[in-house]
Each structure stands twice: as structure tokens, then as C-alpha cells.
Amino acid sequence: MTGGGRTGGVSGNDFRGHSGAQGGSHNTQINFFGGPPRGGRQWVAIAVVALCVLGLVGVVVWAVASSGDNGSAESSGPSPNRSPSPSPSSQAAEGAEAPAPSASLSSPTSTIQWRGKVRIAEHGPRLDKVPPKIDAGSGDLDLGLVNPPRLTAWQPDLAVWSERGMPTRQECSELVSAQGVRQVEAKVGAVVCVNTMEGRTAVLTITSISDSFNTGVTAEATVWSQADG
């Protein structure tokens, strides 16, 4: 060991000035160059303050980092389950009520009871039957004359429709009520309104005529089901 002070062992020696010491199994060496620095307490205070500032900065950085991590976790987390909004069509399907009956549906008074071809000869059909039945002596109308052929009823229950198109039940019924006669001439294409014995309304379109009581007249018939009360 060398130095500007005393020489001696590691323990119990006082080194002053430029000194050095070496000892131990690992050859630990301690060198002192001059005396301790002046103002040592000031440096200690500065070091303490620096450590405090560094600690505060570390706390702030940690807090900011933790806040950012939480925000990322919240923003990247699974969104709450939301049931899909029903489509406008399904809402309409669920919220909507049953449609009202169409205005074009026939009311009971205009329901057709039977439609088809009839023959009117010496004996005529009973139009209240379904289908109409030839009934001697009790048909709604028959062939009264053949030259020219004429349709004849028991009551003034016949009327010729002279307007364009086919009449409705109400139009036929009102026509017979206002202009009904017992006998009308049968012409091909003529439209004849009829009130039946049971109070129903029918319309006949003459399709063929003859001068024979046996052959008679044929017509397309429509009979409404509701009888006048």
C-alpha cells in the first residue's frame, strides 16, 4: 500500500491525503484522492430532491399509462348484446290488424244462387229451385205465344232491360217494380228481368228463339239468392 499518509492494514488504519488500501480474498481496493468534497450536505439535499422528483414523475407516468390501458380495454371490450331491430316488414306484420273485408265482396242481397242455361217452352222453369226445374203450371214464366214468341208470367213480373251492360240485382228488382208487365217479346240478345214466385230476382239473356211450343226459347239465367222481404 502506498499513500501520502500512513501505511497499514485495512482495519484500523487512518489514511489521510492521497491514499489507497487493498485487502480481502477478492483484492478489494479503495482509493481516496483528497479529502471529502466540500458542501456535502448540499449535495445530499439535492440528491434527495432529485429522487423525490424522479419518484413523482414515475408515479405520474404510471398513472397515465394505467389510465390509457383501462381506456383501451374498455374501448376494445365486447359491445353489449343488442337484439336486431325488427325489419319494417316484420313490424308491419306484427303491429298490423286483420284487413277489413273488401268492398267488392257481394252482400247477402247480391249473392248469386244459381247461374246457367234454361229452356222456356209450353212449360217454364221454377227459378227458385237449385237448379231451376220445369214445373207444369207453376213455373215463373212460360212461352205464351210463338209468332212472334212471347214470354208470359202469372203476374206483372217481367221487364226488358234497355240500358247498356248487364243490370245488378237491385237495378233489375227496381225495374220490375216500376215497369213490370206480364208479357214481353222474346228476341235474341234481349235482357229480361224477372221477379220469381218466392220474391227472388233473376235476369235472362235470350240466346235462341223458335216458333214451336215444344222447342221454345233458351236463355242464360242468373238468379240471386236473397228474396225480397
C-alpha atoms as a PDB file:
ATOM      1  CA  MET A   1       0.000   0.000   0.000  1.00  0.00           C
ATOM      2  CA  THR A   2       1.162   3.484  -0.765  1.00  0.00           C
ATOM      3  CA  GLY A   3      -0.105   6.925   0.032  1.00  0.00           C
ATOM      4  CA  GLY A   4       0.699  10.332   1.302  1.00  0.00           C
ATOM      5  CA  GLY A   5      -0.302   9.303   4.898  1.00  0.00           C
ATOM      6  CA  ARG A   6       0.307   6.296   6.953  1.00  0.00           C
ATOM      7  CA  THR A   7       0.695   2.699   5.810  1.00  0.00           C
ATOM      8  CA  GLY A   8      -1.057  -0.194   7.469  1.00  0.00           C
ATOM      9  CA  GLY A   9      -3.770  -2.854   7.185  1.00  0.00           C
ATOM     10  CA  VAL A  10      -7.340  -2.487   6.015  1.00  0.00           C
ATOM     11  CA  SER A  11      -8.794  -2.347   9.518  1.00  0.00           C
ATOM     12  CA  GLY A  12      -7.869   0.342  11.983  1.00  0.00           C
ATOM     13  CA  ASN A  13      -5.772   2.478   9.654  1.00  0.00           C
ATOM     14  CA  ASP A  14      -6.286   6.184   9.135  1.00  0.00           C
ATOM     15  CA  PHE A  15      -5.448   7.360   5.635  1.00  0.00           C
ATOM     16  CA  ARG A  16      -5.044  10.999   5.010  1.00  0.00           C
ATOM     17  CA  GLY A  17      -4.425  12.652   1.697  1.00  0.00           C
ATOM     18  CA  HIS A  18      -3.901  10.528  -1.387  1.00  0.00           C
ATOM     19  CA  SER A  19      -4.148   7.046  -0.015  1.00  0.00           C
ATOM     20  CA  GLY A  20      -5.113   3.535  -1.067  1.00  0.00           C
ATOM     21  CA  ALA A  21      -5.875   0.226   0.565  1.00  0.00           C
ATOM     22  CA  GLN A  22      -6.173  -3.311  -0.763  1.00  0.00           C
ATOM     23  CA  GLY A  23      -7.109  -6.491   1.013  1.00  0.00           C
ATOM     24  CA  GLY A  24      -9.502  -9.348   1.290  1.00  0.00           C
ATOM     25  CA  SER A  25      -9.813 -12.536  -0.645  1.00  0.00           C
ATOM     26  CA  HIS A  26     -11.122 -10.670  -3.714  1.00  0.00           C
ATOM     27  CA  ASN A  27      -8.406  -7.980  -3.618  1.00  0.00           C
ATOM     28  CA  THR A  28     -10.867  -5.172  -2.842  1.00  0.00           C
ATOM     29  CA  GLN A  29      -9.171  -1.824  -3.393  1.00  0.00           C
ATOM     30  CA  ILE A  30     -10.380   1.513  -2.062  1.00  0.00           C
ATOM     31  CA  ASN A  31      -8.753   4.728  -3.254  1.00  0.00           C
ATOM     32  CA  PHE A  32      -9.098   8.103  -1.668  1.00  0.00           C
ATOM     33  CA  PHE A  33      -7.947  11.119  -3.601  1.00  0.00           C
ATOM     34  CA  GLY A  34      -8.000  14.093  -1.370  1.00  0.00           C
ATOM     35  CA  GLY A  35     -10.444  14.802   1.419  1.00  0.00           C
ATOM     36  CA  PRO A  36     -14.229  14.628   1.259  1.00  0.00           C
ATOM     37  CA  PRO A  37     -15.909  17.225  -1.030  1.00  0.00           C
ATOM     38  CA  ARG A  38     -16.967  20.474   0.440  1.00  0.00           C
ATOM     39  CA  GLY A  39     -20.651  21.187   0.921  1.00  0.00           C
ATOM     40  CA  GLY A  40     -21.529  17.512   1.241  1.00  0.00           C
ATOM     41  CA  ARG A  41     -24.856  18.228   2.921  1.00  0.00           C
ATOM     42  CA  GLN A  42     -25.976  20.371  -0.032  1.00  0.00           C
ATOM     43  CA  TRP A  43     -25.286  17.525  -2.429  1.00  0.00           C
ATOM     44  CA  VAL A  44     -27.209  15.130  -0.211  1.00  0.00           C
ATOM     45  CA  ALA A  45     -30.174  17.509  -0.172  1.00  0.00           C
ATOM     46  CA  ILE A  46     -30.031  17.896  -3.961  1.00  0.00           C
ATOM     47  CA  ALA A  47     -29.884  14.127  -4.381  1.00  0.00           C
ATOM     48  CA  VAL A  48     -32.908  13.660  -2.118  1.00  0.00           C
ATOM     49  CA  VAL A  49     -34.890  16.265  -4.047  1.00  0.00           C
ATOM     50  CA  ALA A  50     -33.857  14.676  -7.356  1.00  0.00           C
ATOM     51  CA  LEU A  51     -35.007  11.287  -6.107  1.00  0.00           C
ATOM     52  CA  CYS A  52     -38.338  12.750  -4.994  1.00  0.00           C
ATOM     53  CA  VAL A  53     -38.841  14.408  -8.375  1.00  0.00           C
ATOM     54  CA  LEU A  54     -37.952  11.214 -10.209  1.00  0.00           C
ATOM     55  CA  GLY A  55     -40.340   9.269  -7.963  1.00  0.00           C
ATOM     56  CA  LEU A  56     -43.142  11.774  -8.622  1.00  0.00           C
ATOM     57  CA  VAL A  57     -42.527  11.649 -12.357  1.00  0.00           C
ATOM     58  CA  GLY A  58     -42.597   7.854 -12.216  1.00  0.00           C
ATOM     59  CA  VAL A  59     -45.928   7.925 -10.370  1.00  0.00           C
ATOM     60  CA  VAL A  60     -47.394  10.325 -12.919  1.00  0.00           C
ATOM     61  CA  VAL A  61     -46.144   8.223 -15.855  1.00  0.00           C
ATOM     62  CA  TRP A  62     -47.518   5.066 -14.254  1.00  0.00           C
ATOM     63  CA  ALA A  63     -50.896   6.729 -13.629  1.00  0.00           C
ATOM     64  CA  VAL A  64     -51.117   7.966 -17.229  1.00  0.00           C
ATOM     65  CA  ALA A  65     -50.129   4.559 -18.596  1.00  0.00           C
ATOM     66  CA  SER A  66     -52.666   2.798 -16.379  1.00  0.00           C
ATOM     67  CA  SER A  67     -55.407   5.185 -17.480  1.00  0.00           C
ATOM     68  CA  GLY A  68     -54.569   4.589 -21.143  1.00  0.00           C
ATOM     69  CA  ASP A  69     -54.604   0.815 -20.675  1.00  0.00           C
ATOM     70  CA  ASN A  70     -58.004   0.921 -18.977  1.00  0.00           C
ATOM     71  CA  GLY A  71     -59.428   3.102 -21.736  1.00  0.00           C
ATOM     72  CA  SER A  72     -58.103   0.756 -24.381  1.00  0.00           C
ATOM     73  CA  ALA A  73     -59.537  -2.237 -22.584  1.00  0.00           C
ATOM     74  CA  GLU A  74     -62.932  -0.558 -22.283  1.00  0.00           C
ATOM     75  CA  SER A  75     -62.988   0.581 -25.890  1.00  0.00           C
ATOM     76  CA  SER A  76     -61.825  -2.780 -27.216  1.00  0.00           C
ATOM     77  CA  GLY A  77     -64.070  -4.812 -24.951  1.00  0.00           C
ATOM     78  CA  PRO A  78     -67.094  -6.636 -26.370  1.00  0.00           C
ATOM     79  CA  SER A  79     -70.043  -4.391 -27.068  1.00  0.00           C
ATOM     80  CA  PRO A  80     -73.245  -5.194 -25.154  1.00  0.00           C
ATOM     81  CA  ASN A  81     -75.551  -7.600 -26.865  1.00  0.00           C
ATOM     82  CA  ARG A  82     -78.258  -5.845 -28.827  1.00  0.00           C
ATOM     83  CA  SER A  83     -81.128  -7.680 -30.340  1.00  0.00           C
ATOM     84  CA  PRO A  84     -81.506  -6.835 -34.044  1.00  0.00           C
ATOM     85  CA  SER A  85     -84.149  -4.282 -34.799  1.00  0.00           C
ATOM     86  CA  PRO A  86     -87.170  -5.828 -36.486  1.00  0.00           C
ATOM     87  CA  SER A  87     -87.420  -5.008 -40.141  1.00  0.00           C
ATOM     88  CA  PRO A  88     -90.227  -2.640 -41.233  1.00  0.00           C
ATOM     89  CA  SER A  89     -91.865  -5.583 -42.910  1.00  0.00           C
ATOM     90  CA  SER A  90     -91.888  -7.711 -39.723  1.00  0.00           C
ATOM     91  CA  GLN A  91     -93.177  -4.696 -37.682  1.00  0.00           C
ATOM     92  CA  ALA A  92     -95.860  -4.260 -40.071  1.00  0.00           C
ATOM     93  CA  ALA A  93     -96.527  -7.967 -39.781  1.00  0.00           C
ATOM     94  CA  GLU A  94     -96.759  -7.941 -36.034  1.00  0.00           C
ATOM     95  CA  GLY A  95     -98.262  -4.490 -35.409  1.00  0.00           C
ATOM     96  CA  ALA A  96    -100.786  -4.531 -38.198  1.00  0.00           C
ATOM     97  CA  GLU A  97    -104.553  -5.697 -37.693  1.00  0.00           C
ATOM     98  CA  ALA A  98    -106.504  -8.110 -39.987  1.00  0.00           C
ATOM     99  CA  PRO A  99    -107.685  -6.327 -43.193  1.00  0.00           C
ATOM    100  CA  ALA A 100    -111.310  -5.311 -43.427  1.00  0.00           C
ATOM    101  CA  PRO A 101    -113.476  -7.233 -45.913  1.00  0.00           C
ATOM    102  CA  SER A 102    -113.130  -5.905 -49.435  1.00  0.00           C
ATOM    103  CA  ALA A 103    -115.868  -3.550 -50.561  1.00  0.00           C
ATOM    104  CA  SER A 104    -116.200  -5.588 -53.725  1.00  0.00           C
ATOM    105  CA  LEU A 105    -117.448  -8.655 -51.829  1.00  0.00           C
ATOM    106  CA  SER A 106    -121.069  -9.371 -52.504  1.00  0.00           C
ATOM    107  CA  SER A 107    -123.525  -8.644 -49.742  1.00  0.00           C
ATOM    108  CA  PRO A 108    -126.168 -11.286 -48.908  1.00  0.00           C
ATOM    109  CA  THR A 109    -128.683  -9.446 -51.082  1.00  0.00           C
ATOM    110  CA  SER A 110    -126.486  -9.720 -54.197  1.00  0.00           C
ATOM    111  CA  THR A 111    -125.187 -13.285 -53.792  1.00  0.00           C
ATOM    112  CA  ILE A 112    -125.857 -15.393 -56.856  1.00  0.00           C
ATOM    113  CA  GLN A 113    -127.866 -18.504 -56.055  1.00  0.00           C
ATOM    114  CA  TRP A 114    -127.595 -20.137 -59.457  1.00  0.00           C
ATOM    115  CA  ARG A 115    -126.361 -19.359 -62.956  1.00  0.00           C
ATOM    116  CA  GLY A 116    -126.808 -21.393 -66.118  1.00  0.00           C
ATOM    117  CA  LYS A 117    -128.955 -22.147 -69.190  1.00  0.00           C
ATOM    118  CA  VAL A 118    -132.749 -22.603 -69.038  1.00  0.00           C
ATOM    119  CA  ARG A 119    -135.413 -23.502 -71.590  1.00  0.00           C
ATOM    120  CA  ILE A 120    -138.758 -21.749 -71.649  1.00  0.00           C
ATOM    121  CA  ALA A 121    -141.384 -23.581 -73.686  1.00  0.00           C
ATOM    122  CA  GLU A 122    -145.009 -24.614 -73.143  1.00  0.00           C
ATOM    123  CA  HIS A 123    -143.948 -25.096 -69.528  1.00  0.00           C
ATOM    124  CA  GLY A 124    -141.355 -22.918 -67.943  1.00  0.00           C
ATOM    125  CA  PRO A 125    -138.790 -23.266 -65.136  1.00  0.00           C
ATOM    126  CA  ARG A 126    -139.255 -22.656 -61.435  1.00  0.00           C
ATOM    127  CA  LEU A 127    -136.316 -20.299 -60.915  1.00  0.00           C
ATOM    128  CA  ASP A 128    -136.384 -20.534 -57.107  1.00  0.00           C
ATOM    129  CA  LYS A 129    -135.185 -24.154 -57.303  1.00  0.00           C
ATOM    130  CA  VAL A 130    -131.500 -25.045 -57.467  1.00  0.00           C
ATOM    131  CA  PRO A 131    -131.143 -25.853 -60.260  1.00  0.00           C
ATOM    132  CA  PRO A 132    -134.316 -24.441 -61.793  1.00  0.00           C
ATOM    133  CA  LYS A 133    -136.887 -27.128 -62.553  1.00  0.00           C
ATOM    134  CA  ILE A 134    -139.505 -27.285 -65.311  1.00  0.00           C
ATOM    135  CA  ASP A 135    -142.803 -27.273 -63.462  1.00  0.00           C
ATOM    136  CA  ALA A 136    -146.048 -27.586 -65.377  1.00  0.00           C
ATOM    137  CA  GLY A 137    -148.498 -24.982 -64.230  1.00  0.00           C
ATOM    138  CA  SER A 138    -146.265 -23.404 -61.558  1.00  0.00           C
ATOM    139  CA  GLY A 139    -143.229 -22.090 -63.409  1.00  0.00           C
ATOM    140  CA  ASP A 140    -142.274 -18.433 -63.044  1.00  0.00           C
ATOM    141  CA  LEU A 141    -142.825 -17.908 -66.794  1.00  0.00           C
ATOM    142  CA  ASP A 142    -143.540 -19.875 -69.960  1.00  0.00           C
ATOM    143  CA  LEU A 143    -143.935 -19.407 -73.701  1.00  0.00           C
ATOM    144  CA  GLY A 144    -147.324 -17.786 -74.242  1.00  0.00           C
ATOM    145  CA  LEU A 145    -147.148 -17.149 -77.969  1.00  0.00           C
ATOM    146  CA  VAL A 146    -144.836 -18.341 -80.757  1.00  0.00           C
ATOM    147  CA  ASN A 147    -145.443 -15.931 -83.604  1.00  0.00           C
ATOM    148  CA  PRO A 148    -143.653 -13.853 -82.503  1.00  0.00           C
ATOM    149  CA  PRO A 149    -142.542 -15.772 -79.410  1.00  0.00           C
ATOM    150  CA  ARG A 150    -143.513 -14.120 -76.143  1.00  0.00           C
ATOM    151  CA  LEU A 151    -142.605 -14.823 -72.568  1.00  0.00           C
ATOM    152  CA  THR A 152    -145.562 -14.790 -70.195  1.00  0.00           C
ATOM    153  CA  ALA A 153    -145.673 -14.598 -66.371  1.00  0.00           C
ATOM    154  CA  TRP A 154    -148.542 -15.043 -63.917  1.00  0.00           C
ATOM    155  CA  GLN A 155    -148.068 -11.556 -62.522  1.00  0.00           C
ATOM    156  CA  PRO A 156    -146.505  -8.358 -63.922  1.00  0.00           C
ATOM    157  CA  ASP A 157    -143.101  -9.718 -63.019  1.00  0.00           C
ATOM    158  CA  LEU A 158    -141.250  -9.161 -66.329  1.00  0.00           C
ATOM    159  CA  ALA A 159    -139.357  -6.122 -67.624  1.00  0.00           C
ATOM    160  CA  VAL A 160    -136.928  -5.644 -70.542  1.00  0.00           C
ATOM    161  CA  TRP A 161    -133.567  -4.078 -69.621  1.00  0.00           C
ATOM    162  CA  SER A 162    -132.723  -1.472 -72.264  1.00  0.00           C
ATOM    163  CA  GLU A 163    -129.571   0.055 -70.745  1.00  0.00           C
ATOM    164  CA  ARG A 164    -126.014  -0.869 -71.746  1.00  0.00           C
ATOM    165  CA  GLY A 165    -124.344  -3.708 -69.859  1.00  0.00           C
ATOM    166  CA  MET A 166    -125.940  -6.178 -67.511  1.00  0.00           C
ATOM    167  CA  PRO A 167    -128.100  -4.971 -64.626  1.00  0.00           C
ATOM    168  CA  THR A 168    -127.403  -5.621 -60.955  1.00  0.00           C
ATOM    169  CA  ARG A 169    -129.893  -7.342 -58.716  1.00  0.00           C
ATOM    170  CA  GLN A 170    -131.091  -4.022 -57.348  1.00  0.00           C
ATOM    171  CA  GLU A 171    -131.475  -2.496 -60.801  1.00  0.00           C
ATOM    172  CA  CYS A 172    -133.474  -5.497 -62.020  1.00  0.00           C
ATOM    173  CA  SER A 173    -135.696  -5.505 -58.943  1.00  0.00           C
ATOM    174  CA  GLU A 174    -136.382  -1.780 -59.221  1.00  0.00           C
ATOM    175  CA  LEU A 175    -137.063  -2.058 -62.956  1.00  0.00           C
ATOM    176  CA  VAL A 176    -139.690  -4.782 -62.475  1.00  0.00           C
ATOM    177  CA  SER A 177    -141.255  -2.882 -59.593  1.00  0.00           C
ATOM    178  CA  ALA A 178    -141.567   0.256 -61.730  1.00  0.00           C
ATOM    179  CA  GLN A 179    -142.231  -1.169 -65.226  1.00  0.00           C
ATOM    180  CA  GLY A 180    -143.255  -4.816 -64.725  1.00  0.00           C
ATOM    181  CA  VAL A 181    -145.623  -6.459 -67.254  1.00  0.00           C
ATOM    182  CA  ARG A 182    -146.999  -9.949 -67.702  1.00  0.00           C
ATOM    183  CA  GLN A 183    -145.704 -10.491 -71.259  1.00  0.00           C
ATOM    184  CA  VAL A 184    -142.600  -9.454 -73.249  1.00  0.00           C
ATOM    185  CA  GLU A 185    -141.428 -10.332 -76.739  1.00  0.00           C
ATOM    186  CA  ALA A 186    -138.517 -12.771 -76.864  1.00  0.00           C
ATOM    187  CA  LYS A 187    -135.686 -11.594 -79.123  1.00  0.00           C
ATOM    188  CA  VAL A 188    -132.201 -12.983 -79.386  1.00  0.00           C
ATOM    189  CA  GLY A 189    -129.935 -10.826 -77.238  1.00  0.00           C
ATOM    190  CA  ALA A 190    -132.798  -9.311 -75.226  1.00  0.00           C
ATOM    191  CA  VAL A 191    -132.218  -8.983 -71.459  1.00  0.00           C
ATOM    192  CA  VAL A 192    -135.305  -9.644 -69.334  1.00  0.00           C
ATOM    193  CA  CYS A 193    -135.583  -9.040 -65.577  1.00  0.00           C
ATOM    194  CA  VAL A 194    -137.837 -11.409 -63.641  1.00  0.00           C
ATOM    195  CA  ASN A 195    -139.327 -11.478 -60.159  1.00  0.00           C
ATOM    196  CA  THR A 196    -139.844 -15.092 -59.040  1.00  0.00           C
ATOM    197  CA  MET A 197    -142.812 -16.501 -57.124  1.00  0.00           C
ATOM    198  CA  GLU A 198    -140.769 -16.575 -53.908  1.00  0.00           C
ATOM    199  CA  GLY A 199    -139.630 -12.991 -54.321  1.00  0.00           C
ATOM    200  CA  ARG A 200    -136.163 -13.511 -55.743  1.00  0.00           C
ATOM    201  CA  THR A 201    -134.769 -11.515 -58.652  1.00  0.00           C
ATOM    202  CA  ALA A 202    -133.441 -13.096 -61.857  1.00  0.00           C
ATOM    203  CA  VAL A 203    -132.184 -11.870 -65.192  1.00  0.00           C
ATOM    204  CA  LEU A 204    -132.448 -13.747 -68.522  1.00  0.00           C
ATOM    205  CA  THR A 205    -130.437 -13.172 -71.700  1.00  0.00           C
ATOM    206  CA  ILE A 206    -132.241 -14.735 -74.660  1.00  0.00           C
ATOM    207  CA  THR A 207    -129.870 -16.889 -76.740  1.00  0.00           C
ATOM    208  CA  SER A 208    -132.296 -18.575 -79.172  1.00  0.00           C
ATOM    209  CA  ILE A 209    -135.978 -18.477 -80.175  1.00  0.00           C
ATOM    210  CA  SER A 210    -138.345 -20.699 -82.145  1.00  0.00           C
ATOM    211  CA  ASP A 211    -141.958 -20.794 -83.304  1.00  0.00           C
ATOM    212  CA  SER A 212    -142.578 -24.099 -81.551  1.00  0.00           C
ATOM    213  CA  PHE A 213    -144.083 -24.587 -78.113  1.00  0.00           C
ATOM    214  CA  ASN A 214    -142.046 -27.742 -77.765  1.00  0.00           C
ATOM    215  CA  THR A 215    -138.700 -26.181 -78.676  1.00  0.00           C
ATOM    216  CA  GLY A 216    -139.421 -22.898 -77.017  1.00  0.00           C
ATOM    217  CA  VAL A 217    -136.815 -20.271 -76.104  1.00  0.00           C
ATOM    218  CA  THR A 218    -133.418 -20.732 -74.458  1.00  0.00           C
ATOM    219  CA  ALA A 219    -131.693 -18.198 -72.216  1.00  0.00           C
ATOM    220  CA  GLU A 220    -128.729 -17.724 -69.918  1.00  0.00           C
ATOM    221  CA  ALA A 221    -130.145 -17.160 -66.434  1.00  0.00           C
ATOM    222  CA  THR A 222    -128.745 -15.601 -63.244  1.00  0.00           C
ATOM    223  CA  VAL A 223    -130.764 -15.967 -60.054  1.00  0.00           C
ATOM    224  CA  TRP A 224    -129.869 -14.012 -56.927  1.00  0.00           C
ATOM    225  CA  SER A 225    -130.336 -15.812 -53.632  1.00  0.00           C
ATOM    226  CA  GLN A 226    -131.932 -13.141 -51.463  1.00  0.00           C
ATOM    227  CA  ALA A 227    -135.693 -12.923 -51.624  1.00  0.00           C
ATOM    228  CA  ASP A 228    -137.362  -9.551 -51.166  1.00  0.00           C
ATOM    229  CA  GLY A 229    -138.994  -9.398 -47.741  1.00  0.00           C
END
